[in-house]
Amino acid sequence: MGYSFYPGCTLKNKASRLEETALESARLLNIELKELPEWQCCGAVYPLARDEIVTILGSIRSLIRARELDNKLVTLCAACHHVLKRSNWAIKNKEDVRDKTNNFLQDEPDYFGETEVIHYLEFLRDEIGFDKIKTAAGDRLEGKKVAAYYGCLLLRPEKELEFDNPEQPTIMEDFIDSLGGQAVKYPYRNECCGGYLNLKNPESAHKMGNRIISSAIEHGAEEIITACPLCLYNLDQSFLNGQTCEKSNIEVTYFTELLYQVLSPAKKEVAYG
């Protein structure tokens, strides 16, 4: 079994450096992630209504394409992972969702949730191994203090995503440790950044983002990493509009940028360019 890569829409424009550094890092670790042919938009937001089927059809078509290749489907954007993983879980565990979806998709073979969806962080931990990454990294971060920001979408709901403990997650801290950094734990690392509230009430979203950044700084962080393009946007906006942290020079980056920086230090300017 190989790996197919689901990029999603945001990685093709605003978050292109998340994709570029992830794919290049995988190559440096001698694994090629091939983009899934004919992938479709996941819809970005998982529907809250139980009988809302239409909005997950794009995700199911992508999962069917991955099944045809007999590959695990590797995701990168936290929002895409959230929607694809929950859509797959619903198909496997809810008979009414499965039946309605297959009735909608009569031009496709019936789907029963066979594709395994994994996030890039799980790909690094479970498929490559943090020990191998630690060897490749060679302690190049030299104890740099890095704070992981999880946000909401990777962790909740726990039963469906099976990603990590939503209250005490560890996978990103273990990732930082494997690169030779010092993971900084702080109270707001799994609190909401405001999400789409930034569109309707940016002041409230900025306050939420500032609490996250300020908490990380107070605990000694020199850099914050995240896996979510929306979280990174909100934290950046909070930084630009903040009070407490406006004089700080702390960076908010994608976790793949940090990985690429460590695996290919001579190309650091590409990652942050």
Foldseek 3Di string as FASTA:
>chain_A
DAEEEEEADCCVPVVVLQVVLLQVLCVLLVHHHHHQPPQFHCLLAADPDPPDQVSRLSLVVSQLSCVVVVHAYEYFALSSLLSNLLLLLCLQPPPVSQVVSCVVPVVGPRDRSPHHYDYSLCCVPPVSRLQSLLVLLVLVCQAAEEEEAEEARCCPPCVRNVRAPLQDGCSVQSNCVSNNYHYFDFRRRHPHLCQPVCVVPVVVSLVSLVVVVVRSVVRPHQEYEYRHPRSLVSNVVSCVVDDPCVPPPYYYYHPSLVSSCSNPVVCNVVSVD
